[in-house]
PDB file of N, CA and C in Angstrom:
ATOM      1  N   MET A   1    -110.139  38.665  14.589  1.00  0.00           N
ATOM      2  CA  MET A   1    -110.105  39.869  13.780  1.00  0.00           C
ATOM      3  C   MET A   1    -109.958  39.481  12.300  1.00  0.00           C
ATOM      4  N   PRO A   2    -110.825  40.013  11.415  1.00  0.00           N
ATOM      5  CA  PRO A   2    -110.713  39.676   9.993  1.00  0.00           C
ATOM      6  C   PRO A   2    -109.455  40.288   9.373  1.00  0.00           C
ATOM      7  N   ALA A   3    -109.060  39.710   8.271  1.00  0.00           N
ATOM      8  CA  ALA A   3    -107.885  40.211   7.564  1.00  0.00           C
ATOM      9  C   ALA A   3    -108.123  41.644   7.081  1.00  0.00           C
ATOM     10  N   ARG A   4    -107.061  42.426   7.054  1.00  0.00           N
ATOM     11  CA  ARG A   4    -107.180  43.836   6.680  1.00  0.00           C
ATOM     12  C   ARG A   4    -107.743  43.997   5.264  1.00  0.00           C
ATOM     13  N   TRP A   5    -107.321  43.154   4.314  1.00  0.00           N
ATOM     14  CA  TRP A   5    -107.797  43.264   2.942  1.00  0.00           C
ATOM     15  C   TRP A   5    -109.301  43.028   2.858  1.00  0.00           C
ATOM     16  N   LEU A   6    -109.816  42.143   3.723  1.00  0.00           N
ATOM     17  CA  LEU A   6    -111.243  41.862   3.723  1.00  0.00           C
ATOM     18  C   LEU A   6    -112.044  43.063   4.227  1.00  0.00           C
ATOM     19  N   VAL A   7    -111.509  43.761   5.215  1.00  0.00           N
ATOM     20  CA  VAL A   7    -112.159  44.969   5.724  1.00  0.00           C
ATOM     21  C   VAL A   7    -112.181  46.045   4.635  1.00  0.00           C
ATOM     22  N   ILE A   8    -111.086  46.184   3.914  1.00  0.00           N
ATOM     23  CA  ILE A   8    -111.019  47.186   2.842  1.00  0.00           C
ATOM     24  C   ILE A   8    -112.022  46.849   1.740  1.00  0.00           C
ATOM     25  N   VAL A   9    -112.079  45.588   1.330  1.00  0.00           N
ATOM     26  CA  VAL A   9    -113.025  45.171   0.289  1.00  0.00           C
ATOM     27  C   VAL A   9    -114.461  45.393   0.744  1.00  0.00           C
ATOM     28  N   SER A  10    -114.748  45.119   2.009  1.00  0.00           N
ATOM     29  CA  SER A  10    -116.122  45.308   2.503  1.00  0.00           C
ATOM     30  C   SER A  10    -116.510  46.788   2.524  1.00  0.00           C
ATOM     31  N   TRP A  11    -115.589  47.663   2.887  1.00  0.00           N
ATOM     32  CA  TRP A  11    -115.893  49.093   2.882  1.00  0.00           C
ATOM     33  C   TRP A  11    -116.095  49.609   1.458  1.00  0.00           C
ATOM     34  N   ILE A  12    -115.309  49.113   0.532  1.00  0.00           N
ATOM     35  CA  ILE A  12    -115.485  49.505  -0.872  1.00  0.00           C
ATOM     36  C   ILE A  12    -116.844  49.026  -1.370  1.00  0.00           C
ATOM     37  N   SER A  13    -117.207  47.804  -1.025  1.00  0.00           N
ATOM     38  CA  SER A  13    -118.507  47.253  -1.437  1.00  0.00           C
ATOM     39  C   SER A  13    -119.662  48.069  -0.858  1.00  0.00           C
ATOM     40  N   LEU A  14    -119.569  48.421   0.411  1.00  0.00           N
ATOM     41  CA  LEU A  14    -120.617  49.240   1.032  1.00  0.00           C
ATOM     42  C   LEU A  14    -120.708  50.622   0.396  1.00  0.00           C
ATOM     43  N   THR A  15    -119.574  51.217   0.090  1.00  0.00           N
ATOM     44  CA  THR A  15    -119.561  52.543  -0.530  1.00  0.00           C
ATOM     45  C   THR A  15    -120.193  52.506  -1.918  1.00  0.00           C
ATOM     46  N   VAL A  16    -119.856  51.496  -2.695  1.00  0.00           N
ATOM     47  CA  VAL A  16    -120.437  51.358  -4.033  1.00  0.00           C
ATOM     48  C   VAL A  16    -121.943  51.114  -3.942  1.00  0.00           C
ATOM     49  N   ALA A  17    -122.379  50.296  -2.996  1.00  0.00           N
ATOM     50  CA  ALA A  17    -123.801  49.997  -2.835  1.00  0.00           C
ATOM     51  C   ALA A  17    -124.589  51.239  -2.421  1.00  0.00           C
ATOM     52  N   VAL A  18    -124.086  51.979  -1.467  1.00  0.00           N
ATOM     53  CA  VAL A  18    -124.785  53.199  -1.030  1.00  0.00           C
ATOM     54  C   VAL A  18    -124.775  54.245  -2.141  1.00  0.00           C
ATOM     55  N   GLY A  19    -123.668  54.349  -2.870  1.00  0.00           N
ATOM     56  CA  GLY A  19    -123.610  55.271  -4.005  1.00  0.00           C
ATOM     57  C   GLY A  19    -124.600  54.899  -5.101  1.00  0.00           C
ATOM     58  N   SER A  20    -124.753  53.600  -5.341  1.00  0.00           N
ATOM     59  CA  SER A  20    -125.712  53.145  -6.349  1.00  0.00           C
ATOM     60  C   SER A  20    -127.141  53.473  -5.928  1.00  0.00           C
ATOM     61  N   ALA A  21    -127.458  53.231  -4.673  1.00  0.00           N
ATOM     62  CA  ALA A  21    -128.796  53.558  -4.173  1.00  0.00           C
ATOM     63  C   ALA A  21    -129.036  55.066  -4.234  1.00  0.00           C
ATOM     64  N   ALA A  22    -128.008  55.853  -3.894  1.00  0.00           N
ATOM     65  CA  ALA A  22    -128.137  57.315  -3.962  1.00  0.00           C
ATOM     66  C   ALA A  22    -128.359  57.773  -5.398  1.00  0.00           C
ATOM     67  N   ARG A  23    -127.705  57.122  -6.351  1.00  0.00           N
ATOM     68  CA  ARG A  23    -127.890  57.464  -7.775  1.00  0.00           C
ATOM     69  C   ARG A  23    -129.335  57.261  -8.204  1.00  0.00           C
ATOM     70  N   ILE A  24    -129.929  56.149  -7.790  1.00  0.00           N
ATOM     71  CA  ILE A  24    -131.317  55.866  -8.150  1.00  0.00           C
ATOM     72  C   ILE A  24    -132.255  56.834  -7.441  1.00  0.00           C
ATOM     73  N   LEU A  25    -132.027  57.094  -6.159  1.00  0.00           N
ATOM     74  CA  LEU A  25    -132.879  58.033  -5.424  1.00  0.00           C
ATOM     75  C   LEU A  25    -132.807  59.434  -6.024  1.00  0.00           C
ATOM     76  N   THR A  26    -131.615  59.845  -6.438  1.00  0.00           N
ATOM     77  CA  THR A  26    -131.464  61.151  -7.086  1.00  0.00           C
ATOM     78  C   THR A  26    -132.247  61.202  -8.393  1.00  0.00           C
ATOM     79  N   ASP A  27    -132.186  60.130  -9.144  1.00  0.00           N
ATOM     80  CA  ASP A  27    -132.902  60.082 -10.412  1.00  0.00           C
ATOM     81  C   ASP A  27    -134.410  60.143 -10.199  1.00  0.00           C
ATOM     82  N   ILE A  28    -134.898  59.460  -9.179  1.00  0.00           N
ATOM     83  CA  ILE A  28    -136.339  59.418  -8.932  1.00  0.00           C
ATOM     84  C   ILE A  28    -136.847  60.748  -8.377  1.00  0.00           C
ATOM     85  N   TYR A  29    -136.192  61.252  -7.342  1.00  0.00           N
ATOM     86  CA  TYR A  29    -136.745  62.412  -6.630  1.00  0.00           C
ATOM     87  C   TYR A  29    -136.188  63.758  -7.106  1.00  0.00           C
ATOM     88  N   ALA A  30    -134.901  63.865  -7.364  1.00  0.00           N
ATOM     89  CA  ALA A  30    -134.331  65.154  -7.761  1.00  0.00           C
ATOM     90  C   ALA A  30    -134.549  65.437  -9.243  1.00  0.00           C
ATOM     91  N   ARG A  31    -134.431  64.412 -10.076  1.00  0.00           N
ATOM     92  CA  ARG A  31    -134.601  64.614 -11.519  1.00  0.00           C
ATOM     93  C   ARG A  31    -136.036  64.424 -11.977  1.00  0.00           C
ATOM     94  N   GLY A  32    -136.887  63.917 -11.111  1.00  0.00           N
ATOM     95  CA  GLY A  32    -138.305  63.811 -11.427  1.00  0.00           C
ATOM     96  C   GLY A  32    -138.713  62.623 -12.270  1.00  0.00           C
ATOM     97  N   HIS A  33    -137.896  61.580 -12.327  1.00  0.00           N
ATOM     98  CA  HIS A  33    -138.267  60.385 -13.084  1.00  0.00           C
ATOM     99  C   HIS A  33    -139.081  59.458 -12.181  1.00  0.00           C
ATOM    100  N   ARG A  34    -140.272  59.916 -11.823  1.00  0.00           N
ATOM    101  CA  ARG A  34    -141.130  59.130 -10.941  1.00  0.00           C
ATOM    102  C   ARG A  34    -141.634  57.892 -11.671  1.00  0.00           C
ATOM    103  N   LEU A  35    -141.832  56.824 -10.924  1.00  0.00           N
ATOM    104  CA  LEU A  35    -142.269  55.557 -11.494  1.00  0.00           C
ATOM    105  C   LEU A  35    -143.785  55.419 -11.402  1.00  0.00           C
ATOM    106  N   LYS A  36    -144.347  54.593 -12.286  1.00  0.00           N
ATOM    107  CA  LYS A  36    -145.797  54.421 -12.303  1.00  0.00           C
ATOM    108  C   LYS A  36    -146.296  53.749 -11.031  1.00  0.00           C
ATOM    109  N   MET A  37    -145.524  52.827 -10.493  1.00  0.00           N
ATOM    110  CA  MET A  37    -145.901  52.118  -9.269  1.00  0.00           C
ATOM    111  C   MET A  37    -145.078  52.686  -8.116  1.00  0.00           C
ATOM    112  N   PRO A  38    -145.717  53.391  -7.176  1.00  0.00           N
ATOM    113  CA  PRO A  38    -144.965  54.028  -6.079  1.00  0.00           C
ATOM    114  C   PRO A  38    -144.115  53.055  -5.257  1.00  0.00           C
ATOM    115  N   VAL A  39    -144.534  51.814  -5.135  1.00  0.00           N
ATOM    116  CA  VAL A  39    -143.747  50.864  -4.347  1.00  0.00           C
ATOM    117  C   VAL A  39    -142.372  50.637  -4.969  1.00  0.00           C
ATOM    118  N   MET A  40    -142.264  50.776  -6.275  1.00  0.00           N
ATOM    119  CA  MET A  40    -140.984  50.566  -6.944  1.00  0.00           C
ATOM    120  C   MET A  40    -139.974  51.659  -6.616  1.00  0.00           C
ATOM    121  N   GLU A  41    -140.460  52.802  -6.145  1.00  0.00           N
ATOM    122  CA  GLU A  41    -139.550  53.864  -5.723  1.00  0.00           C
ATOM    123  C   GLU A  41    -138.795  53.470  -4.462  1.00  0.00           C
ATOM    124  N   ALA A  42    -139.276  52.479  -3.731  1.00  0.00           N
ATOM    125  CA  ALA A  42    -138.548  51.927  -2.587  1.00  0.00           C
ATOM    126  C   ALA A  42    -137.786  50.661  -2.973  1.00  0.00           C
ATOM    127  N   VAL A  43    -138.332  49.913  -3.920  1.00  0.00           N
ATOM    128  CA  VAL A  43    -137.720  48.638  -4.313  1.00  0.00           C
ATOM    129  C   VAL A  43    -136.400  48.848  -5.059  1.00  0.00           C
ATOM    130  N   TRP A  44    -136.353  49.787  -5.999  1.00  0.00           N
ATOM    131  CA  TRP A  44    -135.133  49.969  -6.784  1.00  0.00           C
ATOM    132  C   TRP A  44    -133.933  50.398  -5.945  1.00  0.00           C
ATOM    133  N   PRO A  45    -134.068  51.370  -5.017  1.00  0.00           N
ATOM    134  CA  PRO A  45    -132.902  51.681  -4.168  1.00  0.00           C
ATOM    135  C   PRO A  45    -132.483  50.496  -3.288  1.00  0.00           C
ATOM    136  N   ALA A  46    -133.441  49.728  -2.801  1.00  0.00           N
ATOM    137  CA  ALA A  46    -133.094  48.547  -2.004  1.00  0.00           C
ATOM    138  C   ALA A  46    -132.365  47.522  -2.865  1.00  0.00           C
ATOM    139  N   THR A  47    -132.780  47.387  -4.110  1.00  0.00           N
ATOM    140  CA  THR A  47    -132.108  46.475  -5.035  1.00  0.00           C
ATOM    141  C   THR A  47    -130.672  46.918  -5.270  1.00  0.00           C
ATOM    142  N   ALA A  48    -130.463  48.225  -5.382  1.00  0.00           N
ATOM    143  CA  ALA A  48    -129.110  48.746  -5.602  1.00  0.00           C
ATOM    144  C   ALA A  48    -128.202  48.472  -4.407  1.00  0.00           C
ATOM    145  N   LEU A  49    -128.771  48.320  -3.220  1.00  0.00           N
ATOM    146  CA  LEU A  49    -127.938  48.049  -2.044  1.00  0.00           C
ATOM    147  C   LEU A  49    -127.272  46.686  -2.114  1.00  0.00           C
ATOM    148  N   TYR A  50    -127.904  45.711  -2.759  1.00  0.00           N
ATOM    149  CA  TYR A  50    -127.251  44.408  -2.841  1.00  0.00           C
ATOM    150  C   TYR A  50    -126.716  44.075  -4.229  1.00  0.00           C
ATOM    151  N   LEU A  51    -127.153  44.800  -5.267  1.00  0.00           N
ATOM    152  CA  LEU A  51    -126.618  44.551  -6.607  1.00  0.00           C
ATOM    153  C   LEU A  51    -125.637  45.618  -7.077  1.00  0.00           C
ATOM    154  N   GLY A  52    -125.625  46.767  -6.407  1.00  0.00           N
ATOM    155  CA  GLY A  52    -124.682  47.830  -6.755  1.00  0.00           C
ATOM    156  C   GLY A  52    -124.897  48.363  -8.161  1.00  0.00           C
ATOM    157  N   PRO A  53    -123.828  48.515  -8.933  1.00  0.00           N
ATOM    158  CA  PRO A  53    -123.938  49.069 -10.281  1.00  0.00           C
ATOM    159  C   PRO A  53    -124.824  48.234 -11.211  1.00  0.00           C
ATOM    160  N   VAL A  54    -124.920  46.950 -10.992  1.00  0.00           N
ATOM    161  CA  VAL A  54    -125.807  46.112 -11.807  1.00  0.00           C
ATOM    162  C   VAL A  54    -127.258  46.527 -11.563  1.00  0.00           C
ATOM    163  N   GLY A  55    -127.598  46.864 -10.322  1.00  0.00           N
ATOM    164  CA  GLY A  55    -128.939  47.349 -10.000  1.00  0.00           C
ATOM    165  C   GLY A  55    -129.231  48.686 -10.665  1.00  0.00           C
ATOM    166  N   VAL A  56    -128.243  49.562 -10.717  1.00  0.00           N
ATOM    167  CA  VAL A  56    -128.420  50.851 -11.405  1.00  0.00           C
ATOM    168  C   VAL A  56    -128.639  50.617 -12.893  1.00  0.00           C
ATOM    169  N   TRP A  57    -127.850  49.734 -13.487  1.00  0.00           N
ATOM    170  CA  TRP A  57    -128.015  49.416 -14.906  1.00  0.00           C
ATOM    171  C   TRP A  57    -129.416  48.868 -15.177  1.00  0.00           C
ATOM    172  N   ALA A  58    -129.887  47.944 -14.336  1.00  0.00           N
ATOM    173  CA  ALA A  58    -131.224  47.369 -14.523  1.00  0.00           C
ATOM    174  C   ALA A  58    -132.299  48.445 -14.379  1.00  0.00           C
ATOM    175  N   TYR A  59    -132.144  49.312 -13.388  1.00  0.00           N
ATOM    176  CA  TYR A  59    -133.107  50.410 -13.199  1.00  0.00           C
ATOM    177  C   TYR A  59    -133.150  51.309 -14.431  1.00  0.00           C
ATOM    178  N   LEU A  60    -131.985  51.658 -14.956  1.00  0.00           N
ATOM    179  CA  LEU A  60    -131.945  52.530 -16.131  1.00  0.00           C
ATOM    180  C   LEU A  60    -132.551  51.857 -17.354  1.00  0.00           C
ATOM    181  N   GLN A  61    -132.389  50.550 -17.474  1.00  0.00           N
ATOM    182  CA  GLN A  61    -133.002  49.825 -18.586  1.00  0.00           C
ATOM    183  C   GLN A  61    -134.522  49.846 -18.470  1.00  0.00           C
ATOM    184  N   VAL A  62    -135.037  49.637 -17.286  1.00  0.00           N
ATOM    185  CA  VAL A  62    -136.486  49.644 -17.079  1.00  0.00           C
ATOM    186  C   VAL A  62    -137.033  51.058 -17.243  1.00  0.00           C
ATOM    187  N   ARG A  63    -136.309  52.034 -16.703  1.00  0.00           N
ATOM    188  CA  ARG A  63    -136.769  53.419 -16.805  1.00  0.00           C
ATOM    189  C   ARG A  63    -136.811  53.885 -18.248  1.00  0.00           C
ATOM    190  N   SER A  64    -135.867  53.447 -19.069  1.00  0.00           N
ATOM    191  CA  SER A  64    -135.852  53.904 -20.454  1.00  0.00           C
ATOM    192  C   SER A  64    -137.024  53.329 -21.254  1.00  0.00           C
ATOM    193  N   CYS A  65    -137.670  52.307 -20.720  1.00  0.00           N
ATOM    194  CA  CYS A  65    -138.857  51.747 -21.381  1.00  0.00           C
ATOM    195  C   CYS A  65    -140.084  52.630 -21.170  1.00  0.00           C
ATOM    196  N   HIS A  66    -139.994  53.548 -20.235  1.00  0.00           N
ATOM    197  CA  HIS A  66    -141.125  54.419 -19.915  1.00  0.00           C
ATOM    198  C   HIS A  66    -140.664  55.863 -20.012  1.00  0.00           C
ATOM    199  N   PRO A  67    -140.832  56.499 -21.180  1.00  0.00           N
ATOM    200  CA  PRO A  67    -140.342  57.866 -21.367  1.00  0.00           C
ATOM    201  C   PRO A  67    -141.060  58.867 -20.472  1.00  0.00           C
ATOM    202  N   LEU A  68    -140.381  59.979 -20.239  1.00  0.00           N
ATOM    203  CA  LEU A  68    -140.989  61.054 -19.454  1.00  0.00           C
ATOM    204  C   LEU A  68    -142.174  61.651 -20.198  1.00  0.00           C
ATOM    205  N   ARG A  69    -143.108  62.166 -19.440  1.00  0.00           N
ATOM    206  CA  ARG A  69    -144.280  62.786 -20.054  1.00  0.00           C
ATOM    207  C   ARG A  69    -144.335  64.247 -19.653  1.00  0.00           C
ATOM    208  N   ASP A  70    -144.369  65.125 -20.638  1.00  0.00           N
ATOM    209  CA  ASP A  70    -144.498  66.542 -20.332  1.00  0.00           C
ATOM    210  C   ASP A  70    -145.722  67.162 -20.990  1.00  0.00           C
ATOM    211  N   GLY A  71    -146.524  66.354 -21.690  1.00  0.00           N
ATOM    212  CA  GLY A  71    -147.780  66.829 -22.233  1.00  0.00           C
ATOM    213  C   GLY A  71    -147.671  67.634 -23.514  1.00  0.00           C
ATOM    214  N   LEU A  72    -146.543  67.640 -24.192  1.00  0.00           N
ATOM    215  CA  LEU A  72    -146.401  68.472 -25.375  1.00  0.00           C
ATOM    216  C   LEU A  72    -146.892  67.805 -26.655  1.00  0.00           C
ATOM    217  N   SER A  73    -146.579  66.558 -26.860  1.00  0.00           N
ATOM    218  CA  SER A  73    -147.010  65.910 -28.090  1.00  0.00           C
ATOM    219  C   SER A  73    -147.197  64.420 -27.862  1.00  0.00           C
ATOM    220  N   LEU A  74    -147.960  63.809 -28.722  1.00  0.00           N
ATOM    221  CA  LEU A  74    -148.228  62.389 -28.639  1.00  0.00           C
ATOM    222  C   LEU A  74    -147.376  61.687 -29.690  1.00  0.00           C
ATOM    223  N   VAL A  75    -146.567  60.737 -29.277  1.00  0.00           N
ATOM    224  CA  VAL A  75    -145.631  60.079 -30.184  1.00  0.00           C
ATOM    225  C   VAL A  75    -145.818  58.573 -30.088  1.00  0.00           C
ATOM    226  N   ALA A  76    -145.997  57.931 -31.232  1.00  0.00           N
ATOM    227  CA  ALA A  76    -146.046  56.473 -31.265  1.00  0.00           C
ATOM    228  C   ALA A  76    -144.632  55.970 -31.502  1.00  0.00           C
ATOM    229  N   SER A  77    -144.185  55.037 -30.694  1.00  0.00           N
ATOM    230  CA  SER A  77    -142.817  54.549 -30.831  1.00  0.00           C
ATOM    231  C   SER A  77    -142.714  53.104 -30.383  1.00  0.00           C
ATOM    232  N   ARG A  78    -141.556  52.521 -30.622  1.00  0.00           N
ATOM    233  CA  ARG A  78    -141.254  51.183 -30.136  1.00  0.00           C
ATOM    234  C   ARG A  78    -140.155  51.365 -29.097  1.00  0.00           C
ATOM    235  N   ASN A  79    -140.446  50.988 -27.847  1.00  0.00           N
ATOM    236  CA  ASN A  79    -139.474  51.214 -26.787  1.00  0.00           C
ATOM    237  C   ASN A  79    -138.526  50.036 -26.650  1.00  0.00           C
ATOM    238  N   CYS A  80    -137.606  50.113 -25.675  1.00  0.00           N
ATOM    239  CA  CYS A  80    -136.564  49.096 -25.524  1.00  0.00           C
ATOM    240  C   CYS A  80    -137.130  47.753 -25.111  1.00  0.00           C
ATOM    241  N   CYS A  81    -138.327  47.708 -24.589  1.00  0.00           N
ATOM    242  CA  CYS A  81    -138.931  46.441 -24.188  1.00  0.00           C
ATOM    243  C   CYS A  81    -139.508  45.708 -25.381  1.00  0.00           C
ATOM    244  N   GLY A  82    -139.484  46.337 -26.552  1.00  0.00           N
ATOM    245  CA  GLY A  82    -140.016  45.702 -27.751  1.00  0.00           C
ATOM    246  C   GLY A  82    -141.510  45.832 -27.862  1.00  0.00           C
ATOM    247  N   VAL A  83    -142.104  46.736 -27.128  1.00  0.00           N
ATOM    248  CA  VAL A  83    -143.544  46.912 -27.127  1.00  0.00           C
ATOM    249  C   VAL A  83    -143.854  48.229 -27.833  1.00  0.00           C
ATOM    250  N   ALA A  84    -144.768  48.176 -28.774  1.00  0.00           N
ATOM    251  CA  ALA A  84    -145.177  49.413 -29.428  1.00  0.00           C
ATOM    252  C   ALA A  84    -146.044  50.187 -28.459  1.00  0.00           C
ATOM    253  N   THR A  85    -145.681  51.432 -28.229  1.00  0.00           N
ATOM    254  CA  THR A  85    -146.411  52.250 -27.264  1.00  0.00           C
ATOM    255  C   THR A  85    -146.790  53.571 -27.890  1.00  0.00           C
ATOM    256  N   CYS A  86    -147.724  54.210 -27.282  1.00  0.00           N
ATOM    257  CA  CYS A  86    -148.121  55.550 -27.653  1.00  0.00           C
ATOM    258  C   CYS A  86    -147.886  56.392 -26.411  1.00  0.00           C
ATOM    259  N   ALA A  87    -146.865  57.233 -26.452  1.00  0.00           N
ATOM    260  CA  ALA A  87    -146.473  57.966 -25.254  1.00  0.00           C
ATOM    261  C   ALA A  87    -146.515  59.469 -25.507  1.00  0.00           C
ATOM    262  N   VAL A  88    -146.754  60.205 -24.468  1.00  0.00           N
ATOM    263  CA  VAL A  88    -146.693  61.657 -24.526  1.00  0.00           C
ATOM    264  C   VAL A  88    -145.252  62.030 -24.249  1.00  0.00           C
ATOM    265  N   SER A  89    -144.643  62.760 -25.177  1.00  0.00           N
ATOM    266  CA  SER A  89    -143.235  63.112 -24.947  1.00  0.00           C
ATOM    267  C   SER A  89    -143.015  64.591 -25.125  1.00  0.00           C
TER     268      SER A  89
END
């Protein structure tokens, strides 16, 4: 039987990992921040399962490089990736 503290740490780790994956899934599907590559909509939640909050941080960094598009105006900007882009915002 494993030590009680190890069981507690493992449950906390699992809870944080599932919460991180749920955060990314909520952002993608409920908030409408769909990704350009559909396969990444499965990859990012899976990444959050083993990286936890670090995976959420990485997802948010990548997502912020690609602004939402609502078709209202065309804006030239420099995004967080350091690439000059022309995006509809």
